[in-house]
Protein backbone atom coordinates (compact mmCIF):
# COMPACT_ATOMS: atom_id res chain seq x y z
CA UNK A 1 -67.88 61.22 -122.78
CA UNK A 2 -65.04 59.26 -124.29
CA UNK A 3 -66.07 56.44 -126.61
CA UNK A 4 -64.83 53.05 -125.41
CA UNK A 5 -63.78 50.66 -128.18
CA UNK A 6 -62.24 47.19 -128.04
CA UNK A 7 -58.96 48.74 -129.16
CA UNK A 8 -59.11 51.22 -126.27
CA UNK A 9 -59.66 48.34 -123.84
CA UNK A 10 -56.71 46.42 -125.33
CA UNK A 11 -54.50 49.33 -124.22
CA UNK A 12 -55.17 48.19 -120.64
CA UNK A 13 -52.34 45.79 -119.87
CA UNK A 14 -54.63 43.26 -118.16
CA UNK A 15 -56.87 43.06 -121.26
CA UNK A 16 -54.25 43.14 -124.03
CA UNK A 17 -54.61 39.43 -124.87
CA UNK A 18 -58.43 39.31 -124.81
CA UNK A 19 -60.01 38.82 -128.26
CA UNK A 20 -61.70 41.89 -129.73
CA UNK A 21 -65.12 40.21 -129.91
CA UNK A 22 -65.06 39.53 -126.16
CA UNK A 23 -64.09 43.12 -125.43
CA UNK A 24 -66.93 44.34 -127.66
CA UNK A 25 -69.31 42.08 -125.73
CA UNK A 26 -68.07 43.65 -122.48
CA UNK A 27 -68.66 47.15 -123.86
CA UNK A 28 -72.12 46.26 -125.16
CA UNK A 29 -73.14 44.69 -121.84
CA UNK A 30 -71.85 47.47 -119.60
CA UNK A 31 -73.29 50.80 -118.53
CA UNK A 32 -71.27 53.92 -119.22
CA UNK A 33 -71.67 57.00 -117.01
CA UNK A 34 -70.03 59.88 -115.16
CA UNK A 35 -69.41 59.75 -111.41
CA UNK A 36 -69.41 63.39 -110.24
CA UNK A 37 -66.57 64.82 -108.17
CA UNK A 38 -67.14 63.83 -104.54
CA UNK A 39 -69.63 61.05 -105.32
CA UNK A 40 -69.14 57.43 -104.28
CA UNK A 41 -68.35 54.70 -106.77
CA UNK A 42 -68.43 52.10 -103.99
CA UNK A 43 -69.45 52.73 -100.37
CA UNK A 44 -68.46 50.64 -97.35
CA UNK A 45 -71.25 48.31 -96.21
CA UNK A 46 -73.14 48.49 -99.50
CA UNK A 47 -73.23 45.91 -102.32
CA UNK A 48 -70.49 46.09 -104.94
CA UNK A 49 -72.54 46.59 -108.10
CA UNK A 50 -70.07 45.21 -110.59
CA UNK A 51 -66.72 45.43 -112.32
CA UNK A 52 -65.66 49.01 -112.96
CA UNK A 53 -63.23 50.22 -115.59
CA UNK A 54 -62.14 53.83 -115.16
CA UNK A 55 -62.38 55.36 -118.63
CA UNK A 56 -61.02 58.66 -117.37
CA UNK A 57 -60.79 60.26 -113.98
CA UNK A 58 -59.46 59.57 -110.53
CA UNK A 59 -60.80 57.94 -107.36
CA UNK A 60 -59.56 57.54 -103.79
CA UNK A 61 -59.99 54.12 -102.16
CA UNK A 62 -59.99 54.36 -98.36
CA UNK A 63 -61.08 52.89 -95.01
CA UNK A 64 -62.50 54.85 -92.11
CA UNK A 65 -60.55 54.29 -88.91
CA UNK A 66 -61.00 55.65 -85.40
CA UNK A 67 -58.47 58.40 -86.07
CA UNK A 68 -59.78 59.32 -89.53
CA UNK A 69 -59.35 58.23 -93.11
CA UNK A 70 -56.77 55.59 -94.07
CA UNK A 71 -56.11 55.92 -97.79
CA UNK A 72 -55.35 52.62 -99.48
CA UNK A 73 -54.65 53.82 -103.01
CA UNK A 74 -55.82 56.02 -105.84
CA UNK A 75 -57.49 54.54 -108.88
CA UNK A 76 -57.00 56.28 -112.20
CA UNK A 77 -57.73 55.99 -115.91
CA UNK A 78 -57.63 52.41 -117.27
CA UNK A 79 -57.85 50.84 -113.79
CA UNK A 80 -60.12 47.84 -113.23
CA UNK A 81 -61.79 47.63 -109.82
CA UNK A 82 -64.90 46.41 -108.04
CA UNK A 83 -66.34 42.91 -108.27
CA UNK A 84 -64.33 40.39 -110.31
CA UNK A 85 -65.25 36.85 -111.43
CA UNK A 86 -65.03 34.23 -108.65
CA UNK A 87 -64.64 36.96 -106.03
CA UNK A 88 -66.36 36.37 -102.71
CA UNK A 89 -66.56 40.11 -102.07
CA UNK A 90 -70.16 41.20 -102.48
CA UNK A 91 -70.36 43.89 -99.78
CA UNK A 92 -67.77 46.67 -99.87
CA UNK A 93 -65.29 46.83 -97.00
CA UNK A 94 -63.90 50.17 -98.18
CA UNK A 95 -65.11 53.31 -99.91
CA UNK A 96 -64.18 54.64 -103.34
CA UNK A 97 -64.88 58.33 -103.99
CA UNK A 98 -64.38 60.41 -107.14
CA UNK A 99 -61.67 63.06 -106.85
CA UNK A 100 -63.00 64.76 -110.00
CA UNK A 101 -65.76 64.05 -112.52
CA UNK A 102 -64.85 60.58 -113.74
CA UNK A 103 -66.16 58.35 -116.52
CA UNK A 104 -66.63 54.67 -115.72
CA UNK A 105 -67.83 51.58 -117.49
CA UNK A 106 -69.68 49.15 -115.18
CA UNK A 107 -70.28 45.49 -115.93
CA UNK A 108 -73.07 44.31 -113.61
CA UNK A 109 -72.16 41.63 -111.06
CA UNK A 110 -75.37 39.75 -111.95
CA UNK A 111 -73.91 39.04 -115.41
CA UNK A 112 -70.75 37.34 -114.05
CA UNK A 113 -72.06 33.79 -114.58
CA UNK A 114 -72.74 34.52 -118.25
CA UNK A 115 -69.28 36.06 -118.60
CA UNK A 116 -67.66 32.96 -117.05
CA UNK A 117 -69.65 30.54 -119.25
CA UNK A 118 -69.12 32.31 -122.56
CA UNK A 119 -65.90 34.37 -122.53
CA UNK A 120 -62.92 32.40 -121.28
CA UNK A 121 -60.10 34.82 -122.11
CA UNK A 122 -61.94 37.82 -120.66
CA UNK A 123 -62.74 35.86 -117.49
CA UNK A 124 -59.12 34.72 -117.24
CA UNK A 125 -57.87 38.32 -117.58
CA UNK A 126 -60.23 39.57 -114.86
CA UNK A 127 -59.29 36.72 -112.52
CA UNK A 128 -55.65 37.73 -113.02
CA UNK A 129 -56.59 41.31 -112.01
CA UNK A 130 -58.19 39.89 -108.85
CA UNK A 131 -55.09 37.80 -108.05
CA UNK A 132 -52.84 40.84 -108.50
CA UNK A 133 -55.13 42.94 -106.32
CA UNK A 134 -55.00 40.35 -103.51
CA UNK A 135 -51.20 40.18 -103.75
CA UNK A 136 -50.86 43.99 -103.72
CA UNK A 137 -53.27 44.37 -100.79
CA UNK A 138 -51.46 41.69 -98.78
CA UNK A 139 -48.14 43.48 -99.35
CA UNK A 140 -49.69 46.80 -98.29
CA UNK A 141 -51.06 45.28 -95.07
CA UNK A 142 -47.68 43.72 -94.28
CA UNK A 143 -45.89 47.04 -94.86
CA UNK A 144 -48.27 48.84 -92.51
CA UNK A 145 -47.80 46.26 -89.76
CA UNK A 146 -44.05 46.85 -89.57
C-alpha cells in the first residue's frame, strides 16, 4: 500500500491550502485499506460510512435504472468522495464499485463534528468539494434532460 503523507494530500487541489498538521490529523484519524476489484465502496440504500480519498485506483459511480446501469462518472486517484461536512446525505442514492484493486483512506462520518469544531481549513476545503460536487451533478442532470 502507498503511504499517505500530508505532502501527498497537499497534491490534491482541494487540499493544497490546508495546514500540514490538519492533514496529518486526517491521516491519523482515518482507516486505510484496499477495496478489491468488483467490490462496493458505497452501495445504494446503505449508509455512507465516511469521506473517502482514493489513494490509488479507479471506481465507477452509477445508478440502476429500469433499462440498466446509468454511469454518472468514474472516480480515480486523488478524488474525494462520500460523506462531506454539513452534507445531508447519509444513505447512498448511487453505487460506487471498484474497477480494479483500489486503495482508499476513509474518514468516519461519526467524526465529522470533531473535524468541524477543531480543523477549520480542512472543513472549509471539504465543504468546497461538496459545493463543487453539487454544481457538477446539477450540470450533468441538466445535460441529460436536453
